Protein backbone atom coordinates (compact mmCIF):
# COMPACT_ATOMS: atom_id res chain seq x y z
CA MET A 1 104.90 -85.74 -8.53
CA ALA A 2 102.37 -84.71 -5.89
CA LEU A 3 103.28 -81.83 -3.62
CA PRO A 4 103.80 -82.57 0.09
CA VAL A 5 101.48 -81.39 2.84
CA SER A 6 103.41 -79.48 5.50
CA HIS A 7 102.65 -79.87 9.20
CA ARG A 8 103.79 -77.97 12.30
CA VAL A 9 103.66 -80.44 15.17
CA PRO A 10 104.10 -79.58 18.85
CA PHE A 11 106.58 -81.42 21.06
CA ARG A 12 107.20 -81.49 24.79
CA GLY A 13 110.27 -82.70 26.67
CA ARG A 14 110.98 -83.17 30.34
CA ARG A 15 113.09 -80.07 30.96
CA THR A 16 114.83 -77.02 29.63
CA ALA A 17 118.55 -76.70 30.25
CA VAL A 18 121.58 -74.57 29.44
CA ALA A 19 125.13 -75.92 29.46
CA PRO A 20 128.48 -75.45 27.74
CA ALA A 21 128.73 -77.21 24.39
CA THR A 22 130.44 -80.59 24.42
CA CYS A 23 133.76 -81.18 22.70
CA ALA A 24 132.05 -82.91 19.78
CA GLN A 25 129.51 -80.09 19.42
CA ARG A 26 132.28 -77.47 19.39
CA HIS A 27 134.22 -79.49 16.81
CA MET A 28 131.17 -79.67 14.52
CA TRP A 29 130.41 -75.97 15.05
CA ASN A 30 133.95 -75.16 13.87
CA LEU A 31 133.54 -77.38 10.80
CA ILE A 32 130.24 -75.70 9.92
CA GLN A 33 131.82 -72.25 10.22
CA ARG A 34 134.58 -73.38 7.86
CA GLN A 35 132.05 -74.26 5.15
CA LEU A 36 130.13 -70.95 5.26
CA PRO A 37 128.36 -69.53 3.32
CA ASP A 38 127.15 -73.09 2.61
CA ALA A 39 125.39 -73.38 5.96
CA ALA A 40 123.64 -76.60 4.91
CA PHE A 41 126.87 -78.48 4.08
CA TYR A 42 126.59 -80.53 7.28
CA ASN A 43 122.88 -81.31 7.01
CA VAL A 44 122.55 -85.09 7.23
CA CYS A 45 119.59 -87.08 5.88
CA HIS A 46 118.63 -90.59 6.90
CA TRP A 47 115.58 -92.71 6.18
CA VAL A 48 113.94 -96.01 7.01
CA ASP A 49 111.53 -98.18 5.04
CA LEU A 50 108.31 -98.96 6.88
CA PRO A 51 105.93 -101.95 6.64
CA GLY A 52 102.86 -99.91 5.63
CA ARG A 53 101.03 -100.10 8.96
CA GLY A 54 99.39 -97.27 10.87
CA THR A 55 98.73 -93.75 9.63
CA ALA A 56 100.67 -90.60 8.91
CA GLN A 57 99.28 -89.15 12.15
CA ASP A 58 100.72 -92.12 14.05
CA LEU A 59 104.13 -91.33 12.58
CA LEU A 60 103.87 -87.63 13.43
CA ALA A 61 103.15 -88.69 17.02
CA VAL A 62 106.26 -90.90 16.88
CA PHE A 63 108.36 -87.95 15.73
CA ALA A 64 107.04 -85.84 18.61
CA GLU A 65 107.95 -88.64 21.01
CA LEU A 66 111.49 -88.72 19.62
CA LEU A 67 111.95 -85.01 20.32
CA GLY A 68 110.64 -85.48 23.83
CA ARG A 69 113.07 -88.31 24.52
CA HIS A 70 116.24 -86.97 22.89
CA GLU A 71 117.35 -83.55 24.07
CA SER A 72 119.87 -83.11 21.26
CA LEU A 73 117.00 -82.90 18.74
CA ARG A 74 115.53 -79.90 20.58
CA THR A 75 118.79 -78.10 21.31
CA GLY A 76 119.95 -74.79 19.83
CA PHE A 77 123.43 -73.27 19.95
CA SER A 78 124.69 -69.73 20.48
CA ARG A 79 127.68 -67.81 21.77
CA ALA A 80 127.68 -66.67 25.40
CA PRO A 81 128.87 -63.11 26.19
CA ASP A 82 132.36 -64.48 26.90
CA GLY A 83 132.46 -66.12 23.45
CA THR A 84 132.03 -69.73 24.57
CA LEU A 85 129.58 -71.94 22.67
CA VAL A 86 126.47 -72.84 24.68
CA GLN A 87 123.80 -75.50 24.14
CA ARG A 88 120.22 -74.56 25.06
CA VAL A 89 117.65 -77.33 25.42
CA ALA A 90 114.03 -76.32 24.72
CA GLU A 91 111.29 -78.00 26.74
CA THR A 92 108.51 -77.27 24.26
CA GLY A 93 108.18 -76.09 20.69
CA TRP A 94 107.16 -77.07 17.18
CA PHE A 95 108.80 -79.14 14.47
CA GLU A 96 108.26 -79.32 10.73
CA ALA A 97 107.14 -82.46 8.91
CA GLU A 98 106.03 -83.15 5.36
CA VAL A 99 103.60 -85.87 4.29
CA TRP A 100 103.95 -87.06 0.71
CA ALA A 101 101.11 -89.10 -0.79
CA ILE A 102 102.53 -91.46 -3.42
CA GLY A 103 100.11 -91.90 -6.31
CA PRO A 104 99.94 -94.29 -9.26
CA GLY A 105 103.11 -94.30 -11.32
CA GLU A 106 105.16 -92.75 -8.50
CA ASP A 107 107.64 -94.40 -6.17
CA LYS A 108 109.01 -93.57 -2.74
CA GLU A 109 112.61 -93.43 -4.02
CA SER A 110 111.78 -90.47 -6.29
CA VAL A 111 109.98 -88.69 -3.45
CA LEU A 112 112.93 -89.29 -1.13
CA HIS A 113 115.40 -88.01 -3.73
CA ALA A 114 113.42 -84.79 -4.23
CA TRP A 115 113.16 -84.21 -0.48
CA ARG A 116 116.86 -84.91 0.14
CA LEU A 117 117.88 -82.53 -2.64
CA ARG A 118 115.83 -79.75 -1.07
CA MET A 119 117.13 -80.47 2.43
CA ARG A 120 120.72 -80.27 1.13
CA HIS A 121 120.06 -76.61 0.36
CA SER A 122 117.88 -75.76 3.40
CA PRO A 123 120.14 -74.62 6.23
CA PHE A 124 119.13 -74.63 9.87
CA GLU A 125 119.49 -71.62 12.13
CA PRO A 126 121.71 -73.04 14.91
CA ALA A 127 120.14 -70.93 17.64
CA ARG A 128 116.59 -72.04 16.79
CA ALA A 129 115.70 -75.52 18.00
CA PRO A 130 114.79 -78.08 16.87
CA LEU A 131 117.57 -78.76 14.38
CA VAL A 132 115.63 -81.58 12.73
CA ARG A 133 112.97 -81.93 10.02
CA PHE A 134 110.90 -84.98 9.14
CA MET A 135 109.13 -86.43 6.11
CA VAL A 136 106.62 -89.25 5.61
CA ALA A 137 105.76 -91.05 2.38
CA VAL A 138 102.37 -92.76 2.39
CA VAL A 139 100.60 -95.16 0.04
CA ASP A 140 96.83 -95.40 0.47
CA GLY A 141 97.19 -93.52 3.76
CA ALA A 142 99.76 -95.90 5.29
CA PRO A 143 103.39 -94.82 5.88
CA VAL A 144 105.94 -96.69 3.76
CA LEU A 145 108.97 -94.49 4.42
CA ALA A 146 110.15 -92.05 7.09
CA GLY A 147 112.98 -89.58 6.61
CA PHE A 148 114.72 -87.13 8.88
CA CYS A 149 117.17 -84.35 8.15
CA VAL A 150 119.29 -83.09 11.04
CA SER A 151 122.07 -80.63 11.53
CA HIS A 152 125.23 -82.56 12.31
CA LEU A 153 125.33 -80.47 15.49
CA ALA A 154 122.37 -82.51 16.71
CA ALA A 155 123.22 -86.06 15.65
CA ASP A 156 125.87 -88.28 14.08
CA LEU A 157 125.44 -91.40 11.95
CA ALA A 158 125.26 -93.74 14.93
CA SER A 159 122.44 -91.59 16.31
CA LEU A 160 120.55 -91.66 13.02
CA ARG A 161 120.70 -95.44 13.00
CA LEU A 162 119.34 -95.46 16.55
CA LEU A 163 116.52 -93.14 15.48
CA ALA A 164 115.65 -95.31 12.49
CA ASP A 165 115.34 -98.36 14.73
CA GLU A 166 113.33 -96.41 17.27
CA VAL A 167 110.93 -95.07 14.63
CA THR A 168 110.14 -98.64 13.57
CA ARG A 169 109.52 -99.83 17.14
CA LEU A 170 107.42 -96.82 18.14
CA LEU A 171 105.30 -96.92 14.98
CA ASP A 172 104.69 -100.62 15.50
CA ALA A 173 103.34 -99.86 18.99
CA ALA A 174 101.21 -96.94 17.76
CA SER A 175 99.70 -98.87 14.86
CA PHE A 176 98.53 -101.65 17.22
CA GLY A 177 97.27 -99.24 19.89
CA ARG A 178 99.96 -100.13 22.41
CA PRO A 179 101.86 -97.68 24.64
CA PHE A 180 105.26 -96.57 23.38
CA PRO A 181 108.06 -98.78 24.76
CA PRO A 182 110.26 -96.96 27.28
CA ALA A 183 113.31 -95.04 26.14
CA VAL A 184 116.71 -96.65 26.52
CA PRO A 185 118.51 -94.93 29.45
CA SER A 186 121.37 -92.87 28.07
CA ARG A 187 123.49 -89.85 28.84
CA GLN A 188 122.16 -86.60 27.36
CA PRO A 189 124.51 -83.98 25.85
CA VAL A 190 124.08 -81.64 28.83
CA GLU A 191 125.35 -84.39 31.15
CA GLN A 192 128.13 -85.16 28.67
CA ALA A 193 129.28 -81.54 28.88
CA TRP A 194 129.47 -81.75 32.67
CA PHE A 195 131.21 -85.14 32.47
CA GLU A 196 133.93 -83.56 30.30
CA ARG A 197 134.51 -81.05 33.10
CA SER A 198 134.62 -83.71 35.83
CA PRO A 199 137.94 -85.07 37.17
CA ARG A 200 137.52 -88.21 35.05
CA GLY A 201 136.65 -86.20 31.94
CA ARG A 202 139.56 -83.83 32.40
CA ALA A 203 141.94 -86.77 32.80
CA LEU A 204 140.72 -88.18 29.46
CA LEU A 205 141.19 -84.80 27.80
CA ARG A 206 144.75 -84.48 29.15
CA ARG A 207 145.58 -87.96 27.88
CA ALA A 208 144.17 -87.14 24.44
CA HIS A 209 146.11 -83.85 24.37
CA ALA A 210 149.36 -85.73 24.94
CA TYR A 211 148.37 -88.28 22.30
CA TRP A 212 147.73 -85.56 19.70
CA ARG A 213 151.06 -83.92 20.52
CA ARG A 214 152.87 -87.19 19.77
CA GLN A 215 150.94 -87.72 16.54
CA LEU A 216 151.70 -84.24 15.22
CA ALA A 217 155.36 -84.51 16.18
CA SER A 218 155.82 -87.58 13.97
CA ALA A 219 153.36 -86.84 11.15
CA PRO A 220 154.67 -86.28 7.61
CA ALA A 221 154.18 -82.69 6.47
CA THR A 222 151.84 -83.85 3.69
CA LEU A 223 150.78 -87.02 1.90
CA PHE A 224 150.36 -85.15 -1.38
CA PRO A 225 153.57 -83.24 -2.20
CA VAL A 226 153.52 -80.58 -4.89
CA ARG A 227 153.45 -82.16 -8.34
CA ASP A 228 156.38 -81.37 -10.60
CA GLY A 229 155.57 -78.50 -12.91
CA THR A 230 152.37 -77.39 -11.16
CA GLY A 231 153.91 -74.35 -9.49
CA GLY A 232 151.25 -74.52 -6.78
CA GLN A 233 150.99 -75.56 -3.15
CA SER A 234 150.21 -79.07 -2.05
CA ALA A 235 146.49 -79.66 -1.67
CA GLY A 236 145.20 -78.83 1.77
CA THR A 237 147.54 -75.94 2.56
CA ASP A 238 146.27 -72.41 2.98
CA GLY A 239 148.54 -71.08 0.27
CA ALA A 240 146.94 -72.99 -2.59
CA SER A 241 146.73 -70.77 -5.63
CA THR A 242 143.79 -72.48 -7.29
CA ALA A 243 140.33 -73.12 -5.93
CA ALA A 244 139.61 -76.64 -4.69
CA VAL A 245 137.57 -78.80 -7.07
CA ARG A 246 136.54 -82.11 -5.56
CA HIS A 247 135.40 -85.29 -7.21
CA SER A 248 133.78 -88.41 -5.75
CA ALA A 249 133.60 -91.93 -7.10
CA ALA A 250 132.23 -95.13 -5.58
CA LEU A 251 133.49 -98.66 -6.04
CA ASP A 252 130.86 -101.39 -5.50
CA SER A 253 132.64 -104.71 -5.11
CA ARG A 254 131.74 -108.27 -4.23
CA ALA A 255 135.43 -109.13 -4.41
CA VAL A 256 136.31 -106.75 -1.55
CA ALA A 257 133.48 -108.21 0.53
CA LEU A 258 134.96 -111.70 -0.01
CA ALA A 259 138.59 -110.69 0.52
CA LEU A 260 138.24 -108.71 3.76
CA PRO A 261 137.23 -111.53 6.14
CA VAL A 262 139.83 -113.85 4.58
CA LEU A 263 142.58 -111.32 5.28
CA ALA A 264 141.25 -110.34 8.70
CA ARG A 265 141.50 -113.96 9.81
CA HIS A 266 144.85 -114.53 8.11
CA TRP A 267 146.42 -111.36 9.57
CA ARG A 268 144.54 -111.59 12.90
CA VAL A 269 143.15 -108.04 12.73
CA SER A 270 139.80 -106.40 12.05
CA THR A 271 138.43 -106.04 8.52
CA SER A 272 138.63 -102.28 9.02
CA ALA A 273 142.36 -102.53 9.79
CA VAL A 274 142.81 -104.57 6.59
CA LEU A 275 141.32 -101.77 4.52
CA LEU A 276 143.22 -99.09 6.39
CA THR A 277 146.50 -100.92 5.87
CA VAL A 278 146.10 -101.06 2.09
CA VAL A 279 144.95 -97.43 1.89
CA ALA A 280 147.82 -96.24 4.11
CA GLN A 281 150.37 -98.13 2.01
CA PHE A 282 149.15 -96.45 -1.16
CA LEU A 283 149.18 -93.00 0.45
CA GLY A 284 152.63 -93.54 1.96
CA ARG A 285 153.99 -94.76 -1.35
CA ARG A 286 152.66 -91.67 -3.15
CA ALA A 287 154.29 -89.42 -0.55
CA GLY A 288 157.55 -91.36 -0.44
CA SER A 289 157.05 -91.77 3.30
CA SER A 290 157.65 -94.71 5.63
CA SER A 291 154.62 -93.74 7.68
CA CYS A 292 151.12 -92.42 7.04
CA THR A 293 149.20 -90.15 9.39
CA LEU A 294 145.52 -89.56 8.73
CA ARG A 295 142.31 -89.09 10.71
CA LEU A 296 139.95 -91.86 11.74
CA LEU A 297 136.34 -91.10 12.49
CA THR A 298 135.33 -92.57 15.83
CA ALA A 299 131.82 -92.90 17.26
CA ASN A 300 133.03 -92.32 20.86
CA ARG A 301 130.46 -94.75 22.29
CA ALA A 302 132.61 -97.16 24.29
CA ASP A 303 131.04 -95.89 27.53
CA PRO A 304 127.85 -97.95 28.12
CA GLU A 305 125.98 -94.76 29.07
CA LEU A 306 126.57 -93.41 25.56
CA ARG A 307 125.60 -96.41 23.45
CA GLY A 308 121.96 -95.34 23.26
CA THR A 309 122.64 -91.59 23.14
CA VAL A 310 121.20 -89.60 20.24
CA ALA A 311 123.64 -86.71 19.82
CA ASN A 312 126.73 -85.71 17.91
CA LEU A 313 129.50 -87.60 19.69
CA HIS A 314 131.78 -88.47 16.78
CA ALA A 315 135.27 -87.08 16.36
CA GLU A 316 138.20 -87.34 13.97
CA VAL A 317 141.33 -88.58 15.68
CA ALA A 318 144.83 -88.82 14.22
CA VAL A 319 146.50 -92.19 13.73
CA THR A 320 149.98 -92.95 12.41
CA ILE A 321 150.59 -96.19 10.54
CA ASP A 322 154.19 -97.44 10.47
CA LEU A 323 154.72 -98.79 6.95
CA GLU A 324 158.23 -100.21 7.47
CA GLY A 325 158.93 -103.86 6.70
CA ASP A 326 158.28 -106.32 3.90
CA ARG A 327 155.41 -108.29 5.45
CA VAL A 328 152.04 -106.64 4.95
CA GLU A 329 150.53 -108.61 7.82
CA ASP A 330 153.03 -106.97 10.19
CA VAL A 331 151.96 -103.55 8.95
CA ALA A 332 148.32 -104.56 9.44
CA ARG A 333 148.91 -105.64 13.03
CA ARG A 334 150.67 -102.38 13.82
CA ALA A 335 147.76 -100.52 12.16
CA PHE A 336 145.25 -102.46 14.26
CA ALA A 337 147.12 -101.59 17.47
CA ALA A 338 147.47 -97.95 16.42
CA CYS A 339 143.74 -97.71 15.70
CA THR A 340 142.88 -99.16 19.10
CA THR A 341 144.99 -96.47 20.76
CA ALA A 342 143.52 -93.75 18.54
CA TYR A 343 139.94 -94.72 19.36
CA ALA A 344 140.77 -94.62 23.06
CA ASN A 345 141.72 -90.95 22.60
CA GLY A 346 138.62 -89.92 20.65
CA LEU A 347 137.46 -87.48 23.33
CA TYR A 348 139.57 -84.34 23.00
CA ASP A 349 139.22 -80.57 23.16
CA PRO A 350 139.10 -79.34 19.51
CA ASP A 351 140.37 -75.88 20.38
CA GLU A 352 143.39 -77.29 22.20
CA VAL A 353 144.15 -79.50 19.19
CA THR A 354 143.98 -76.42 16.94
CA ASP A 355 146.53 -74.78 19.24
CA LEU A 356 148.74 -77.86 18.91
CA PHE A 357 148.60 -77.62 15.10
CA GLU A 358 149.67 -73.98 15.31
CA ALA A 359 152.49 -74.77 17.74
CA THR A 360 153.73 -77.58 15.48
CA THR A 361 153.68 -75.24 12.50
CA ARG A 362 155.83 -72.72 14.40
CA GLU A 363 158.28 -75.43 15.47
CA ARG A 364 158.65 -76.90 11.98
CA GLY A 365 158.36 -73.66 10.06
CA ALA A 366 155.68 -75.27 7.86
CA PRO A 367 152.13 -76.53 8.44
CA VAL A 368 151.21 -80.17 9.01
CA ASP A 369 148.46 -81.26 6.63
CA LEU A 370 146.13 -83.91 8.07
CA SER A 371 143.30 -83.34 5.61
CA TYR A 372 142.93 -87.08 5.06
CA CYS A 373 140.10 -89.10 6.57
CA PHE A 374 139.24 -92.80 6.77
CA ASN A 375 135.64 -93.49 7.79
CA ASP A 376 134.42 -97.07 8.07
CA ILE A 377 130.69 -96.64 8.68
CA ARG A 378 129.79 -100.32 8.62
CA ALA A 379 127.85 -101.37 11.70
CA GLY A 380 130.11 -104.39 12.25
CA HIS A 381 133.73 -104.49 11.12
CA GLY A 382 135.60 -106.23 13.87
CA SER A 383 137.76 -109.33 13.90
CA PRO A 384 136.01 -112.42 12.47
CA GLU A 385 137.27 -114.42 15.44
CA ALA A 386 135.86 -111.91 17.92
CA SER A 387 132.44 -111.93 16.26
CA GLY A 388 132.29 -115.70 15.91
CA ASP A 389 131.96 -115.33 12.13
CA ARG A 390 132.94 -118.55 10.39
CA THR A 391 133.75 -117.24 6.95
CA ARG A 392 132.99 -119.71 4.17
CA LEU A 393 135.90 -121.02 2.18
CA VAL A 394 136.80 -118.67 -0.65
CA SER A 395 138.93 -119.65 -3.62
CA GLY A 396 141.08 -117.51 -5.83
CA ALA A 397 138.64 -118.24 -8.65
CA ASP A 398 135.78 -116.88 -6.50
CA LEU A 399 137.68 -113.65 -5.96
CA ARG A 400 138.56 -113.16 -9.63
CA THR A 401 135.01 -114.00 -10.74
CA ALA A 402 133.63 -111.46 -8.27
CA MET A 403 135.92 -108.76 -9.67
CA ALA A 404 134.07 -109.01 -12.99
CA ASP A 405 130.99 -107.58 -11.25
CA THR A 406 132.80 -104.51 -9.87
CA VAL A 407 131.35 -101.13 -10.79
CA VAL A 408 133.05 -97.75 -10.32
CA ALA A 409 130.94 -94.65 -10.96
CA SER A 410 130.74 -90.99 -10.00
CA HIS A 411 129.06 -90.33 -6.66
CA GLU A 412 127.29 -87.39 -5.04
CA PHE A 413 129.25 -87.63 -1.77
CA GLU A 414 130.65 -84.27 -0.62
CA GLU A 415 133.37 -83.49 1.91
CA GLY A 416 135.75 -80.65 2.59
CA GLU A 417 139.00 -82.60 2.95
CA THR A 418 141.84 -83.31 0.55
CA PHE A 419 141.17 -87.07 0.78
CA PHE A 420 138.11 -88.65 2.36
CA LEU A 421 137.40 -92.39 2.12
CA VAL A 422 134.15 -94.00 3.31
CA ILE A 423 133.40 -97.73 3.54
CA ASP A 424 129.85 -99.08 3.73
CA ASP A 425 128.10 -102.44 3.33
CA GLU A 426 124.48 -101.42 2.94
CA GLU A 427 123.97 -103.99 0.16
CA PRO A 428 124.43 -107.55 1.53
CA GLY A 429 127.38 -109.32 -0.04
CA TRP A 430 128.91 -106.10 -1.36
CA ILE A 431 131.30 -103.47 -0.08
CA ARG A 432 131.05 -99.88 -1.26
CA VAL A 433 134.17 -97.71 -1.04
CA VAL A 434 133.57 -94.02 -1.77
CA LEU A 435 136.48 -91.63 -2.28
CA ASN A 436 136.14 -87.85 -2.39
CA ALA A 437 139.35 -86.00 -3.25
CA ASP A 438 140.65 -82.56 -4.06
CA SER A 439 141.60 -82.65 -7.76
CA ARG A 440 144.92 -80.95 -6.92
CA ALA A 441 145.80 -84.14 -5.05
CA LEU A 442 144.01 -86.75 -7.16
CA THR A 443 142.42 -86.09 -10.53
CA PRO A 444 139.05 -87.74 -11.26
CA SER A 445 140.77 -90.52 -13.20
CA GLU A 446 143.24 -91.01 -10.33
CA VAL A 447 140.35 -91.28 -7.86
CA ARG A 448 138.92 -94.15 -9.89
CA GLY A 449 142.35 -95.69 -10.30
CA PHE A 450 142.95 -95.53 -6.55
CA LEU A 451 139.71 -97.44 -5.91
CA TYR A 452 140.55 -100.12 -8.47
CA ASP A 453 144.05 -100.44 -6.98
CA VAL A 454 142.61 -100.99 -3.50
CA GLU A 455 140.37 -103.78 -4.77
CA ARG A 456 143.12 -105.40 -6.84
CA THR A 457 145.58 -105.36 -3.92
CA LEU A 458 143.05 -106.83 -1.49
CA VAL A 459 142.25 -109.63 -3.93
CA GLU A 460 145.94 -110.40 -4.51
CA HIS A 461 146.63 -110.56 -0.77
CA ALA A 462 143.56 -112.76 -0.27
CA GLU A 463 144.68 -115.11 -3.03
CA HIS A 464 148.03 -115.53 -1.27
CA ALA A 465 146.24 -116.16 2.03
CA VAL A 466 144.02 -118.80 0.41
CA ALA A 467 147.09 -120.42 -1.17
CA ASP A 468 148.69 -120.59 2.30
CA GLY A 469 145.71 -122.67 3.38
CA ARG A 470 144.89 -120.55 6.43
């Protein structure tokens, strides 16, 4: 494989600025500190295939334009003398980019894999902006792939998708000699920090604080009680006597992709709520609990001013699913309502929530473990009725036939929680469900079994819905 050519490219923005860190930035800073000495744990890579137009220099100019437009990409972070976390936006500077020339017998996927592997072990220095690196793969001088690696302090997944779309549009303009299209107006992180300190922002934070207090008051102590005969602590508690070993597996399923819209229409909820309902029921059953409290990842982009923002805005917000009752559709509707409320409280002060955890521990005399996350990263996972989606008729035979194509295999996904489930639909017609779990909670074989159980249960529910004729 050919070696890349490294470039240091200048960038220029519209201003320099200093402001307190936002709530989401402080939350991510705390998560990064928790993973030290692995300072690259929260490096995030994303990439976009390109049509093979223009030149590598065109793409480097596009990258420079991105840094000029999006202040989060040229922001560093440090502690102020009083200990508060501060964001510092640089007006000018340099960024790193690599250009890989793909020769005969090579492919862009291999180049991307090698670059991603190196980025996974190449930490950023938080105080030194920009917290982003780029790569270009070219064939015969034309770019066929662009990649970017960012610190999660600088961008979340929604931002990376925005950047991928913007790279394509800007390169298209550059390759045809046209001016860059204007940037989408959006709120920058500095303005977000001041919004959070405004009367409106403080009201939202107070509401979220009260919401978290209610969630912690009703949450089960753990969803993974100590196993008989282990002699250890439940996974996720500080007193665990053995080091955490985590395992990931991915289920790729056509059957789940067919079942979800059937059930969403039948139960009158979103497809995400369908998945959450089944997952929560399994977790509650394992814990012997009539409710399940876990954390949802929310993009926090309901405000129109934030929909085009490139920054880290995401948060993990607690949600409690009431599992009482015999009708699964009733559980699903309660889950859908609970998720709607949770997402509305996605903006919160992470330090105040930490204080609430500590206060709850003192009141109960034992910690509350919420090291369980549900992350549906699909771009569209709402109600079929709301989206106008007219799902084709699916038969029970279709569902069972699709199950024969299911594949479950080990996956490279890493997280730091006891239980972390991710749902994606990158491949049309398929759903991928990835589960990363602490082996003290779920062994590798149990991780795979959990995924198969989720698929089987969704298919059985969908078969019943089809039989009902709705």
